[in-house]
PDB file of N, CA and C in Angstrom:
ATOM      1  N   MET A   1     134.705  93.229 115.173  1.00  0.00           N
ATOM      2  CA  MET A   1     133.743  92.160 114.902  1.00  0.00           C
ATOM      3  C   MET A   1     132.318  92.594 114.665  1.00  0.00           C
ATOM      4  N   ASP A   2     131.636  92.259 113.374  1.00  0.00           N
ATOM      5  CA  ASP A   2     130.298  92.945 113.211  1.00  0.00           C
ATOM      6  C   ASP A   2     129.115  92.449 114.200  1.00  0.00           C
ATOM      7  N   VAL A   3     128.077  92.793 114.160  1.00  0.00           N
ATOM      8  CA  VAL A   3     126.960  92.547 115.210  1.00  0.00           C
ATOM      9  C   VAL A   3     126.237  91.202 114.864  1.00  0.00           C
ATOM     10  N   GLN A   4     126.367  91.202 113.387  1.00  0.00           N
ATOM     11  CA  GLN A   4     125.609  89.698 113.181  1.00  0.00           C
ATOM     12  C   GLN A   4     126.666  88.730 113.386  1.00  0.00           C
ATOM     13  N   LYS A   5     128.146  88.569 113.437  1.00  0.00           N
ATOM     14  CA  LYS A   5     128.872  87.631 113.741  1.00  0.00           C
ATOM     15  C   LYS A   5     128.868  87.238 115.167  1.00  0.00           C
ATOM     16  N   ALA A   6     128.807  88.577 115.807  1.00  0.00           N
ATOM     17  CA  ALA A   6     128.753  88.415 117.413  1.00  0.00           C
ATOM     18  C   ALA A   6     127.607  87.579 117.872  1.00  0.00           C
ATOM     19  N   THR A   7     126.363  87.952 117.094  1.00  0.00           N
ATOM     20  CA  THR A   7     125.208  87.204 117.558  1.00  0.00           C
ATOM     21  C   THR A   7     125.314  85.816 117.295  1.00  0.00           C
ATOM     22  N   GLN A   8     125.917  85.456 116.172  1.00  0.00           N
ATOM     23  CA  GLN A   8     126.049  84.004 115.654  1.00  0.00           C
ATOM     24  C   GLN A   8     126.646  83.146 116.643  1.00  0.00           C
ATOM     25  N   GLU A   9     127.815  83.837 117.136  1.00  0.00           N
ATOM     26  CA  GLU A   9     128.516  83.290 118.073  1.00  0.00           C
ATOM     27  C   GLU A   9     127.959  82.957 119.591  1.00  0.00           C
ATOM     28  N   TYR A  10     127.545  83.941 119.761  1.00  0.00           N
ATOM     29  CA  TYR A  10     126.649  83.993 121.011  1.00  0.00           C
ATOM     30  C   TYR A  10     125.656  83.058 121.078  1.00  0.00           C
ATOM     31  N   ARG A  11     125.092  82.852 120.095  1.00  0.00           N
ATOM     32  CA  ARG A  11     123.871  81.824 119.843  1.00  0.00           C
ATOM     33  C   ARG A  11     124.338  80.220 120.048  1.00  0.00           C
ATOM     34  N   MET A  12     125.481  80.388 118.937  1.00  0.00           N
ATOM     35  CA  MET A  12     126.163  78.980 119.151  1.00  0.00           C
ATOM     36  C   MET A  12     126.695  78.705 120.452  1.00  0.00           C
ATOM     37  N   ASN A  13     127.338  79.399 121.018  1.00  0.00           N
ATOM     38  CA  ASN A  13     127.813  79.075 122.666  1.00  0.00           C
ATOM     39  C   ASN A  13     126.616  78.593 123.424  1.00  0.00           C
ATOM     40  N   GLU A  14     125.490  79.521 123.060  1.00  0.00           N
ATOM     41  CA  GLU A  14     124.149  79.035 124.171  1.00  0.00           C
ATOM     42  C   GLU A  14     123.775  77.526 123.641  1.00  0.00           C
ATOM     43  N   TRP A  15     123.889  77.330 122.537  1.00  0.00           N
ATOM     44  CA  TRP A  15     123.308  76.004 122.086  1.00  0.00           C
ATOM     45  C   TRP A  15     124.113  75.007 122.532  1.00  0.00           C
ATOM     46  N   ILE A  16     125.456  75.333 122.388  1.00  0.00           N
ATOM     47  CA  ILE A  16     126.368  74.165 123.010  1.00  0.00           C
ATOM     48  C   ILE A  16     126.268  73.823 124.594  1.00  0.00           C
ATOM     49  N   LYS A  17     126.121  74.960 125.262  1.00  0.00           N
ATOM     50  CA  LYS A  17     125.581  74.971 126.817  1.00  0.00           C
ATOM     51  C   LYS A  17     124.324  74.102 126.953  1.00  0.00           C
ATOM     52  N   ILE A  18     123.361  74.061 126.271  1.00  0.00           N
ATOM     53  CA  ILE A  18     122.146  73.504 126.160  1.00  0.00           C
ATOM     54  C   ILE A  18     122.381  71.868 126.111  1.00  0.00           C
ATOM     55  N   ILE A  19     122.992  71.526 124.821  1.00  0.00           N
ATOM     56  CA  ILE A  19     123.546  70.474 124.441  1.00  0.00           C
ATOM     57  C   ILE A  19     124.028  69.619 125.310  1.00  0.00           C
ATOM     58  N   ARG A  20     125.141  70.363 125.956  1.00  0.00           N
ATOM     59  CA  ARG A  20     125.746  69.595 126.956  1.00  0.00           C
ATOM     60  C   ARG A  20     125.318  69.512 128.311  1.00  0.00           C
ATOM     61  N   GLU A  21     124.289  70.246 128.543  1.00  0.00           N
ATOM     62  CA  GLU A  21     123.542  70.329 129.651  1.00  0.00           C
ATOM     63  C   GLU A  21     122.766  68.804 129.674  1.00  0.00           C
ATOM     64  N   CYS A  22     121.996  68.722 128.358  1.00  0.00           N
ATOM     65  CA  CYS A  22     121.262  67.353 128.194  1.00  0.00           C
ATOM     66  C   CYS A  22     121.980  66.418 128.278  1.00  0.00           C
ATOM     67  N   HIS A  23     123.100  66.632 127.412  1.00  0.00           N
ATOM     68  CA  HIS A  23     123.830  65.134 127.326  1.00  0.00           C
ATOM     69  C   HIS A  23     124.416  64.682 128.693  1.00  0.00           C
ATOM     70  N   SER A  24     124.713  65.491 129.502  1.00  0.00           N
ATOM     71  CA  SER A  24     125.334  65.071 130.892  1.00  0.00           C
ATOM     72  C   SER A  24     124.084  64.771 131.932  1.00  0.00           C
ATOM     73  N   SER A  25     123.081  65.083 131.728  1.00  0.00           N
ATOM     74  CA  SER A  25     121.826  64.769 132.481  1.00  0.00           C
ATOM     75  C   SER A  25     121.735  63.247 132.592  1.00  0.00           C
ATOM     76  N   GLY A  26     121.975  62.490 131.713  1.00  0.00           N
ATOM     77  CA  GLY A  26     121.871  61.154 131.529  1.00  0.00           C
ATOM     78  C   GLY A  26     120.345  60.965 131.083  1.00  0.00           C
ATOM     79  N   GLN A  27     119.440  61.576 130.908  1.00  0.00           N
ATOM     80  CA  GLN A  27     118.292  61.623 130.415  1.00  0.00           C
ATOM     81  C   GLN A  27     118.190  61.159 128.943  1.00  0.00           C
ATOM     82  N   SER A  28     116.921  60.756 128.436  1.00  0.00           N
ATOM     83  CA  SER A  28     117.082  60.907 127.028  1.00  0.00           C
ATOM     84  C   SER A  28     116.655  62.372 126.724  1.00  0.00           C
ATOM     85  N   VAL A  29     116.962  62.509 125.241  1.00  0.00           N
ATOM     86  CA  VAL A  29     116.745  63.829 124.726  1.00  0.00           C
ATOM     87  C   VAL A  29     115.193  64.119 124.944  1.00  0.00           C
ATOM     88  N   LYS A  30     114.428  63.373 124.825  1.00  0.00           N
ATOM     89  CA  LYS A  30     112.791  63.711 124.718  1.00  0.00           C
ATOM     90  C   LYS A  30     112.448  64.119 126.078  1.00  0.00           C
ATOM     91  N   SER A  31     112.842  63.439 127.177  1.00  0.00           N
ATOM     92  CA  SER A  31     112.703  63.621 128.681  1.00  0.00           C
ATOM     93  C   SER A  31     113.160  64.950 129.075  1.00  0.00           C
ATOM     94  N   TRP A  32     114.779  64.899 128.805  1.00  0.00           N
ATOM     95  CA  TRP A  32     114.957  66.156 129.124  1.00  0.00           C
ATOM     96  C   TRP A  32     114.524  67.585 128.383  1.00  0.00           C
ATOM     97  N   CYS A  33     114.084  67.421 127.374  1.00  0.00           N
ATOM     98  CA  CYS A  33     113.560  68.758 126.554  1.00  0.00           C
ATOM     99  C   CYS A  33     112.209  69.119 127.018  1.00  0.00           C
ATOM    100  N   SER A  34     111.512  67.874 127.578  1.00  0.00           N
ATOM    101  CA  SER A  34     110.065  68.095 128.282  1.00  0.00           C
ATOM    102  C   SER A  34     110.235  68.786 129.529  1.00  0.00           C
ATOM    103  N   GLU A  35     111.339  68.299 130.405  1.00  0.00           N
ATOM    104  CA  GLU A  35     111.338  68.854 131.720  1.00  0.00           C
ATOM    105  C   GLU A  35     112.083  70.427 131.768  1.00  0.00           C
ATOM    106  N   ASN A  36     112.731  70.651 130.576  1.00  0.00           N
ATOM    107  CA  ASN A  36     113.172  71.893 130.590  1.00  0.00           C
ATOM    108  C   ASN A  36     112.676  72.764 129.379  1.00  0.00           C
ATOM    109  N   SER A  37     111.339  72.505 128.883  1.00  0.00           N
ATOM    110  CA  SER A  37     110.745  73.640 127.871  1.00  0.00           C
ATOM    111  C   SER A  37     111.367  73.660 126.989  1.00  0.00           C
ATOM    112  N   VAL A  38     112.416  72.934 126.259  1.00  0.00           N
ATOM    113  CA  VAL A  38     112.823  72.684 124.985  1.00  0.00           C
ATOM    114  C   VAL A  38     112.127  71.833 124.059  1.00  0.00           C
ATOM    115  N   ARG A  39     111.641  72.544 122.808  1.00  0.00           N
ATOM    116  CA  ARG A  39     111.024  71.625 121.842  1.00  0.00           C
ATOM    117  C   ARG A  39     112.302  70.898 121.207  1.00  0.00           C
ATOM    118  N   THR A  40     111.917  69.548 120.966  1.00  0.00           N
ATOM    119  CA  THR A  40     112.919  68.669 120.530  1.00  0.00           C
ATOM    120  C   THR A  40     113.388  68.911 119.090  1.00  0.00           C
ATOM    121  N   ASN A  41     112.477  69.389 118.407  1.00  0.00           N
ATOM    122  CA  ASN A  41     112.890  69.757 117.100  1.00  0.00           C
ATOM    123  C   ASN A  41     113.612  70.944 117.066  1.00  0.00           C
ATOM    124  N   LYS A  42     113.875  71.770 117.989  1.00  0.00           N
ATOM    125  CA  LYS A  42     114.634  72.887 118.356  1.00  0.00           C
ATOM    126  C   LYS A  42     116.064  72.279 118.675  1.00  0.00           C
ATOM    127  N   TYR A  43     115.898  71.297 119.752  1.00  0.00           N
ATOM    128  CA  TYR A  43     117.174  70.723 120.243  1.00  0.00           C
ATOM    129  C   TYR A  43     118.006  70.162 119.072  1.00  0.00           C
ATOM    130  N   TYR A  44     117.262  69.318 118.209  1.00  0.00           N
ATOM    131  CA  TYR A  44     118.317  68.826 117.086  1.00  0.00           C
ATOM    132  C   TYR A  44     118.774  69.826 115.984  1.00  0.00           C
ATOM    133  N   TYR A  45     117.685  70.726 115.586  1.00  0.00           N
ATOM    134  CA  TYR A  45     118.389  71.873 114.969  1.00  0.00           C
ATOM    135  C   TYR A  45     119.530  72.416 115.454  1.00  0.00           C
ATOM    136  N   TRP A  46     119.705  73.174 116.842  1.00  0.00           N
ATOM    137  CA  TRP A  46     120.989  73.271 117.300  1.00  0.00           C
ATOM    138  C   TRP A  46     122.020  72.352 117.218  1.00  0.00           C
ATOM    139  N   LEU A  47     121.578  71.023 117.540  1.00  0.00           N
ATOM    140  CA  LEU A  47     122.828  70.015 117.440  1.00  0.00           C
ATOM    141  C   LEU A  47     123.211  69.966 115.950  1.00  0.00           C
ATOM    142  N   ARG A  48     122.449  69.975 115.171  1.00  0.00           N
ATOM    143  CA  ARG A  48     122.873  69.976 113.750  1.00  0.00           C
ATOM    144  C   ARG A  48     123.832  70.931 113.235  1.00  0.00           C
ATOM    145  N   LYS A  49     123.537  72.428 113.836  1.00  0.00           N
ATOM    146  CA  LYS A  49     124.305  73.495 113.478  1.00  0.00           C
ATOM    147  C   LYS A  49     125.753  73.575 114.102  1.00  0.00           C
ATOM    148  N   ILE A  50     125.714  72.871 115.431  1.00  0.00           N
ATOM    149  CA  ILE A  50     126.822  72.720 116.089  1.00  0.00           C
ATOM    150  C   ILE A  50     128.016  71.700 115.460  1.00  0.00           C
ATOM    151  N   ARG A  51     127.331  70.595 114.888  1.00  0.00           N
ATOM    152  CA  ARG A  51     127.996  69.494 114.399  1.00  0.00           C
ATOM    153  C   ARG A  51     128.509  70.096 113.013  1.00  0.00           C
ATOM    154  N   ILE A  52     127.763  70.905 112.091  1.00  0.00           N
ATOM    155  CA  ILE A  52     128.241  71.538 111.060  1.00  0.00           C
ATOM    156  C   ILE A  52     129.419  72.435 111.104  1.00  0.00           C
ATOM    157  N   ALA A  53     129.057  73.259 112.163  1.00  0.00           N
ATOM    158  CA  ALA A  53     130.394  74.130 112.157  1.00  0.00           C
ATOM    159  C   ALA A  53     131.751  73.383 112.962  1.00  0.00           C
ATOM    160  N   ALA A  54     131.498  72.461 113.653  1.00  0.00           N
ATOM    161  CA  ALA A  54     132.777  71.847 114.096  1.00  0.00           C
ATOM    162  C   ALA A  54     133.298  70.940 113.013  1.00  0.00           C
ATOM    163  N   CYS A  55     132.717  70.278 111.869  1.00  0.00           N
ATOM    164  CA  CYS A  55     133.323  69.772 110.889  1.00  0.00           C
ATOM    165  C   CYS A  55     133.729  70.861 110.211  1.00  0.00           C
ATOM    166  N   GLU A  56     133.233  71.843 109.666  1.00  0.00           N
ATOM    167  CA  GLU A  56     133.822  72.809 108.752  1.00  0.00           C
ATOM    168  C   GLU A  56     135.157  73.683 109.656  1.00  0.00           C
ATOM    169  N   ALA A  57     135.097  73.522 110.873  1.00  0.00           N
ATOM    170  CA  ALA A  57     136.298  73.912 111.458  1.00  0.00           C
ATOM    171  C   ALA A  57     137.728  73.038 111.574  1.00  0.00           C
ATOM    172  N   LEU A  58     137.370  71.773 111.261  1.00  0.00           N
ATOM    173  CA  LEU A  58     138.408  70.816 110.959  1.00  0.00           C
ATOM    174  C   LEU A  58     139.370  71.112 109.817  1.00  0.00           C
ATOM    175  N   PRO A  59     140.440  71.060 109.916  1.00  0.00           N
ATOM    176  CA  PRO A  59     141.404  71.261 108.696  1.00  0.00           C
ATOM    177  C   PRO A  59     141.185  70.292 107.570  1.00  0.00           C
ATOM    178  N   SER A  60     141.049  70.698 106.524  1.00  0.00           N
ATOM    179  CA  SER A  60     140.898  69.991 105.204  1.00  0.00           C
ATOM    180  C   SER A  60     142.140  69.399 104.897  1.00  0.00           C
ATOM    181  N   LYS A  61     142.344  68.231 104.115  1.00  0.00           N
ATOM    182  CA  LYS A  61     143.409  67.483 103.682  1.00  0.00           C
ATOM    183  C   LYS A  61     144.258  68.514 102.313  1.00  0.00           C
ATOM    184  N   ASN A  62     143.160  69.032 101.726  1.00  0.00           N
ATOM    185  CA  ASN A  62     143.525  70.005 100.745  1.00  0.00           C
ATOM    186  C   ASN A  62     142.595  71.442 100.876  1.00  0.00           C
ATOM    187  N   PRO A  63     143.021  72.470 101.388  1.00  0.00           N
ATOM    188  CA  PRO A  63     142.465  73.589 101.625  1.00  0.00           C
ATOM    189  C   PRO A  63     141.495  74.213 100.497  1.00  0.00           C
ATOM    190  N   GLU A  64     141.935  73.939  99.262  1.00  0.00           N
ATOM    191  CA  GLU A  64     141.285  74.542  97.912  1.00  0.00           C
ATOM    192  C   GLU A  64     139.892  73.538  97.947  1.00  0.00           C
ATOM    193  N   GLU A  65     139.809  72.479  98.499  1.00  0.00           N
ATOM    194  CA  GLU A  65     138.725  71.419  98.187  1.00  0.00           C
ATOM    195  C   GLU A  65     137.640  71.654  99.438  1.00  0.00           C
ATOM    196  N   GLN A  66     138.182  72.409 100.199  1.00  0.00           N
ATOM    197  CA  GLN A  66     137.036  72.592 101.326  1.00  0.00           C
ATOM    198  C   GLN A  66     135.982  73.695 101.258  1.00  0.00           C
ATOM    199  N   ILE A  67     134.695  73.196 101.300  1.00  0.00           N
ATOM    200  CA  ILE A  67     133.523  73.820 101.128  1.00  0.00           C
ATOM    201  C   ILE A  67     132.930  74.522 102.211  1.00  0.00           C
ATOM    202  N   VAL A  68     132.672  75.730 102.306  1.00  0.00           N
ATOM    203  CA  VAL A  68     132.217  76.393 103.382  1.00  0.00           C
ATOM    204  C   VAL A  68     130.928  77.023 103.138  1.00  0.00           C
ATOM    205  N   PRO A  69     129.913  76.647 103.492  1.00  0.00           N
ATOM    206  CA  PRO A  69     128.576  77.339 103.220  1.00  0.00           C
ATOM    207  C   PRO A  69     128.290  78.879 103.806  1.00  0.00           C
ATOM    208  N   LEU A  70     127.918  79.813 103.286  1.00  0.00           N
ATOM    209  CA  LEU A  70     127.907  81.112 103.680  1.00  0.00           C
ATOM    210  C   LEU A  70     126.861  81.355 104.604  1.00  0.00           C
ATOM    211  N   ASP A  71     125.995  80.269 104.819  1.00  0.00           N
ATOM    212  CA  ASP A  71     125.020  80.712 105.911  1.00  0.00           C
ATOM    213  C   ASP A  71     125.348  80.048 107.132  1.00  0.00           C
ATOM    214  N   THR A  72     126.560  79.302 107.417  1.00  0.00           N
ATOM    215  CA  THR A  72     126.637  78.500 108.703  1.00  0.00           C
ATOM    216  C   THR A  72     127.704  79.304 109.538  1.00  0.00           C
ATOM    217  N   PRO A  73     127.351  79.550 110.768  1.00  0.00           N
ATOM    218  CA  PRO A  73     128.519  80.185 111.541  1.00  0.00           C
ATOM    219  C   PRO A  73     129.937  79.071 111.810  1.00  0.00           C
ATOM    220  N   LYS A  74     130.783  79.524 112.127  1.00  0.00           N
ATOM    221  CA  LYS A  74     131.769  78.660 112.554  1.00  0.00           C
ATOM    222  C   LYS A  74     131.986  78.761 113.775  1.00  0.00           C
ATOM    223  N   LEU A  75     132.463  77.440 114.893  1.00  0.00           N
ATOM    224  CA  LEU A  75     132.867  77.657 116.019  1.00  0.00           C
ATOM    225  C   LEU A  75     134.001  78.475 116.365  1.00  0.00           C
ATOM    226  N   SER A  76     133.964  79.466 116.953  1.00  0.00           N
ATOM    227  CA  SER A  76     135.338  80.270 116.813  1.00  0.00           C
ATOM    228  C   SER A  76     136.410  79.787 117.503  1.00  0.00           C
ATOM    229  N   SER A  77     136.118  78.975 118.640  1.00  0.00           N
ATOM    230  CA  SER A  77     137.245  78.192 119.760  1.00  0.00           C
ATOM    231  C   SER A  77     137.768  77.053 118.842  1.00  0.00           C
ATOM    232  N   ILE A  78     137.094  76.554 117.688  1.00  0.00           N
ATOM    233  CA  ILE A  78     137.918  75.458 117.034  1.00  0.00           C
ATOM    234  C   ILE A  78     138.413  76.234 115.820  1.00  0.00           C
ATOM    235  N   SER A  79     137.753  77.225 115.161  1.00  0.00           N
ATOM    236  CA  SER A  79     138.452  77.595 113.872  1.00  0.00           C
ATOM    237  C   SER A  79     139.744  78.450 114.229  1.00  0.00           C
ATOM    238  N   GLU A  80     139.735  79.059 115.418  1.00  0.00           N
ATOM    239  CA  GLU A  80     141.090  79.855 115.550  1.00  0.00           C
ATOM    240  C   GLU A  80     142.297  78.984 115.873  1.00  0.00           C
ATOM    241  N   ASN A  81     141.948  77.759 116.544  1.00  0.00           N
ATOM    242  CA  ASN A  81     143.164  76.611 116.624  1.00  0.00           C
ATOM    243  C   ASN A  81     143.372  75.744 115.982  1.00  0.00           C
ATOM    244  N   ALA A  82     142.642  75.721 114.804  1.00  0.00           N
ATOM    245  CA  ALA A  82     142.668  74.509 113.750  1.00  0.00           C
ATOM    246  C   ALA A  82     144.046  74.922 113.124  1.00  0.00           C
ATOM    247  N   ALA A  83     144.827  73.901 112.892  1.00  0.00           N
ATOM    248  CA  ALA A  83     146.224  74.106 112.119  1.00  0.00           C
ATOM    249  C   ALA A  83     146.115  73.028 110.944  1.00  0.00           C
ATOM    250  N   TYR A  84     146.516  73.307 109.888  1.00  0.00           N
ATOM    251  CA  TYR A  84     146.622  72.445 108.789  1.00  0.00           C
ATOM    252  C   TYR A  84     147.739  71.636 108.802  1.00  0.00           C
ATOM    253  N   VAL A  85     147.592  70.450 108.759  1.00  0.00           N
ATOM    254  CA  VAL A  85     148.879  69.415 108.829  1.00  0.00           C
ATOM    255  C   VAL A  85     148.350  68.848 107.542  1.00  0.00           C
ATOM    256  N   SER A  86     149.478  68.589 106.817  1.00  0.00           N
ATOM    257  CA  SER A  86     149.468  67.605 105.641  1.00  0.00           C
ATOM    258  C   SER A  86     149.623  66.292 106.048  1.00  0.00           C
ATOM    259  N   SER A  87     148.734  65.273 105.553  1.00  0.00           N
ATOM    260  CA  SER A  87     149.028  63.916 105.669  1.00  0.00           C
ATOM    261  C   SER A  87     149.777  63.182 104.534  1.00  0.00           C
ATOM    262  N   GLU A  88     150.087  64.153 103.532  1.00  0.00           N
ATOM    263  CA  GLU A  88     150.346  63.432 102.579  1.00  0.00           C
ATOM    264  C   GLU A  88     152.083  63.103 102.893  1.00  0.00           C
ATOM    265  N   THR A  89     152.684  63.672 103.647  1.00  0.00           N
ATOM    266  CA  THR A  89     153.757  63.491 103.905  1.00  0.00           C
ATOM    267  C   THR A  89     154.210  62.486 105.274  1.00  0.00           C
ATOM    268  N   SER A  90     153.290  62.479 105.788  1.00  0.00           N
ATOM    269  CA  SER A  90     153.422  61.488 107.035  1.00  0.00           C
ATOM    270  C   SER A  90     152.206  60.729 107.300  1.00  0.00           C
ATOM    271  N   GLN A  91     152.279  59.656 108.121  1.00  0.00           N
ATOM    272  CA  GLN A  91     151.202  58.783 108.312  1.00  0.00           C
ATOM    273  C   GLN A  91     150.697  59.476 109.589  1.00  0.00           C
ATOM    274  N   ALA A  92     149.144  59.299 109.808  1.00  0.00           N
ATOM    275  CA  ALA A  92     148.725  59.706 110.917  1.00  0.00           C
ATOM    276  C   ALA A  92     149.069  59.024 112.270  1.00  0.00           C
ATOM    277  N   ASP A  93     149.222  59.747 113.386  1.00  0.00           N
ATOM    278  CA  ASP A  93     149.580  59.070 114.508  1.00  0.00           C
ATOM    279  C   ASP A  93     148.302  58.356 115.428  1.00  0.00           C
ATOM    280  N   ILE A  94     147.195  58.904 115.009  1.00  0.00           N
ATOM    281  CA  ILE A  94     145.876  58.332 115.332  1.00  0.00           C
ATOM    282  C   ILE A  94     145.060  58.393 114.453  1.00  0.00           C
ATOM    283  N   VAL A  95     144.140  57.252 114.113  1.00  0.00           N
ATOM    284  CA  VAL A  95     143.243  57.050 113.194  1.00  0.00           C
ATOM    285  C   VAL A  95     141.899  56.539 113.977  1.00  0.00           C
ATOM    286  N   ILE A  96     140.735  57.745 114.017  1.00  0.00           N
ATOM    287  CA  ILE A  96     139.487  57.060 114.546  1.00  0.00           C
ATOM    288  C   ILE A  96     138.857  57.075 113.188  1.00  0.00           C
ATOM    289  N   ARG A  97     137.931  55.898 113.397  1.00  0.00           N
ATOM    290  CA  ARG A  97     136.860  55.496 112.325  1.00  0.00           C
ATOM    291  C   ARG A  97     135.541  55.500 113.023  1.00  0.00           C
ATOM    292  N   LEU A  98     134.532  56.509 112.655  1.00  0.00           N
ATOM    293  CA  LEU A  98     133.322  56.266 113.025  1.00  0.00           C
ATOM    294  C   LEU A  98     132.216  56.150 112.110  1.00  0.00           C
ATOM    295  N   GLY A  99     131.890  54.810 111.823  1.00  0.00           N
ATOM    296  CA  GLY A  99     131.036  54.585 110.624  1.00  0.00           C
ATOM    297  C   GLY A  99     131.881  54.810 109.349  1.00  0.00           C
ATOM    298  N   SER A 100     131.497  55.679 108.355  1.00  0.00           N
ATOM    299  CA  SER A 100     132.013  56.106 107.200  1.00  0.00           C
ATOM    300  C   SER A 100     133.024  57.033 107.516  1.00  0.00           C
ATOM    301  N   ALA A 101     133.055  58.002 108.653  1.00  0.00           N
ATOM    302  CA  ALA A 101     133.890  59.082 109.012  1.00  0.00           C
ATOM    303  C   ALA A 101     135.337  58.304 109.426  1.00  0.00           C
ATOM    304  N   VAL A 102     136.146  59.182 108.879  1.00  0.00           N
ATOM    305  CA  VAL A 102     137.528  58.696 109.318  1.00  0.00           C
ATOM    306  C   VAL A 102     138.212  60.046 110.026  1.00  0.00           C
ATOM    307  N   LEU A 103     139.031  60.297 111.058  1.00  0.00           N
ATOM    308  CA  LEU A 103     139.381  61.266 111.580  1.00  0.00           C
ATOM    309  C   LEU A 103     140.837  60.820 111.845  1.00  0.00           C
ATOM    310  N   GLU A 104     141.819  61.631 111.416  1.00  0.00           N
ATOM    311  CA  GLU A 104     143.218  61.289 111.341  1.00  0.00           C
ATOM    312  C   GLU A 104     144.010  62.443 112.466  1.00  0.00           C
ATOM    313  N   ILE A 105     144.534  62.138 113.283  1.00  0.00           N
ATOM    314  CA  ILE A 105     145.546  63.251 114.118  1.00  0.00           C
ATOM    315  C   ILE A 105     146.777  63.060 114.199  1.00  0.00           C
ATOM    316  N   HIS A 106     147.458  63.969 113.585  1.00  0.00           N
ATOM    317  CA  HIS A 106     149.001  64.043 113.379  1.00  0.00           C
ATOM    318  C   HIS A 106     149.678  64.631 114.731  1.00  0.00           C
ATOM    319  N   ASN A 107     150.915  64.379 114.863  1.00  0.00           N
ATOM    320  CA  ASN A 107     151.765  64.735 115.843  1.00  0.00           C
ATOM    321  C   ASN A 107     151.890  66.194 115.878  1.00  0.00           C
ATOM    322  N   GLY A 108     151.465  66.778 114.977  1.00  0.00           N
ATOM    323  CA  GLY A 108     151.665  68.146 114.758  1.00  0.00           C
ATOM    324  C   GLY A 108     150.511  69.057 115.235  1.00  0.00           C
ATOM    325  N   ALA A 109     149.179  68.247 115.353  1.00  0.00           N
ATOM    326  CA  ALA A 109     148.131  68.819 115.549  1.00  0.00           C
ATOM    327  C   ALA A 109     148.120  69.591 117.023  1.00  0.00           C
ATOM    328  N   SER A 110     147.454  70.759 117.209  1.00  0.00           N
ATOM    329  CA  SER A 110     147.564  71.599 118.296  1.00  0.00           C
ATOM    330  C   SER A 110     146.701  71.019 119.432  1.00  0.00           C
ATOM    331  N   ALA A 111     147.027  71.132 120.768  1.00  0.00           N
ATOM    332  CA  ALA A 111     146.341  70.544 121.662  1.00  0.00           C
ATOM    333  C   ALA A 111     144.470  71.094 121.754  1.00  0.00           C
ATOM    334  N   ASN A 112     144.552  72.288 121.455  1.00  0.00           N
ATOM    335  CA  ASN A 112     143.228  72.833 121.418  1.00  0.00           C
ATOM    336  C   ASN A 112     142.485  72.411 120.306  1.00  0.00           C
ATOM    337  N   LEU A 113     142.890  71.994 119.318  1.00  0.00           N
ATOM    338  CA  LEU A 113     142.296  71.369 118.092  1.00  0.00           C
ATOM    339  C   LEU A 113     141.856  69.943 118.602  1.00  0.00           C
ATOM    340  N   ILE A 114     142.675  69.131 119.151  1.00  0.00           N
ATOM    341  CA  ILE A 114     142.498  67.874 119.561  1.00  0.00           C
ATOM    342  C   ILE A 114     141.236  67.908 120.803  1.00  0.00           C
ATOM    343  N   GLU A 115     141.335  68.718 121.753  1.00  0.00           N
ATOM    344  CA  GLU A 115     140.491  68.889 122.782  1.00  0.00           C
ATOM    345  C   GLU A 115     139.244  69.355 122.299  1.00  0.00           C
ATOM    346  N   ASN A 116     139.062  70.177 121.308  1.00  0.00           N
ATOM    347  CA  ASN A 116     137.674  70.469 120.661  1.00  0.00           C
ATOM    348  C   ASN A 116     137.294  69.510 119.817  1.00  0.00           C
ATOM    349  N   THR A 117     137.879  68.846 119.280  1.00  0.00           N
ATOM    350  CA  THR A 117     137.369  67.380 118.602  1.00  0.00           C
ATOM    351  C   THR A 117     136.820  66.576 119.184  1.00  0.00           C
ATOM    352  N   ILE A 118     137.529  66.257 120.553  1.00  0.00           N
ATOM    353  CA  ILE A 118     136.937  65.165 121.413  1.00  0.00           C
ATOM    354  C   ILE A 118     135.714  65.782 122.095  1.00  0.00           C
ATOM    355  N   ARG A 119     135.421  66.893 122.352  1.00  0.00           N
ATOM    356  CA  ARG A 119     134.220  67.472 122.605  1.00  0.00           C
ATOM    357  C   ARG A 119     133.158  67.437 121.675  1.00  0.00           C
ATOM    358  N   VAL A 120     133.271  67.783 120.304  1.00  0.00           N
ATOM    359  CA  VAL A 120     132.403  67.430 119.506  1.00  0.00           C
ATOM    360  C   VAL A 120     132.044  65.830 119.297  1.00  0.00           C
ATOM    361  N   LEU A 121     133.020  65.002 119.416  1.00  0.00           N
ATOM    362  CA  LEU A 121     132.654  63.589 119.352  1.00  0.00           C
ATOM    363  C   LEU A 121     131.901  63.136 120.687  1.00  0.00           C
ATOM    364  N   GLN A 122     132.147  63.692 121.736  1.00  0.00           N
ATOM    365  CA  GLN A 122     131.472  63.324 122.871  1.00  0.00           C
ATOM    366  C   GLN A 122     129.874  63.635 122.790  1.00  0.00           C
ATOM    367  N   ASN A 123     129.842  64.888 122.213  1.00  0.00           N
ATOM    368  CA  ASN A 123     128.490  65.619 122.023  1.00  0.00           C
ATOM    369  C   ASN A 123     127.718  64.699 121.047  1.00  0.00           C
ATOM    370  N   ALA A 124     128.524  63.914 120.074  1.00  0.00           N
ATOM    371  CA  ALA A 124     127.699  63.413 118.829  1.00  0.00           C
ATOM    372  C   ALA A 124     126.773  62.135 119.018  1.00  0.00           C
ATOM    373  N   ARG A 125     127.051  61.632 120.324  1.00  0.00           N
ATOM    374  CA  ARG A 125     126.458  60.323 120.733  1.00  0.00           C
ATOM    375  C   ARG A 125     124.959  60.475 120.657  1.00  0.00           C
TER     376      ARG A 125
END
């Protein structure tokens, strides 16, 4: 692993810890950031980067159509465990609709993928 990739993964993990701490505090983002000397614009920047990386780590219906920006680090814990499951051959066992987003989970999805997806959804509130 090169130094730049290791640095990106370290930062991403630190940002995830901060976002989780804020979320679990029960406070508003503004008040938590104020009490913990975190600028709110930095908090939302980190949150956006985490969400982008989590979405990119999810398997696409068609791997050729998946677009991955070069400047966005992936969450290694999700990307290593993501398994492609074709939804063309079977219907999803679980379908979650959040606004215009649709998440389909198939029986063949790994436990790690489902666990990491749930973590991302919990932090998306």
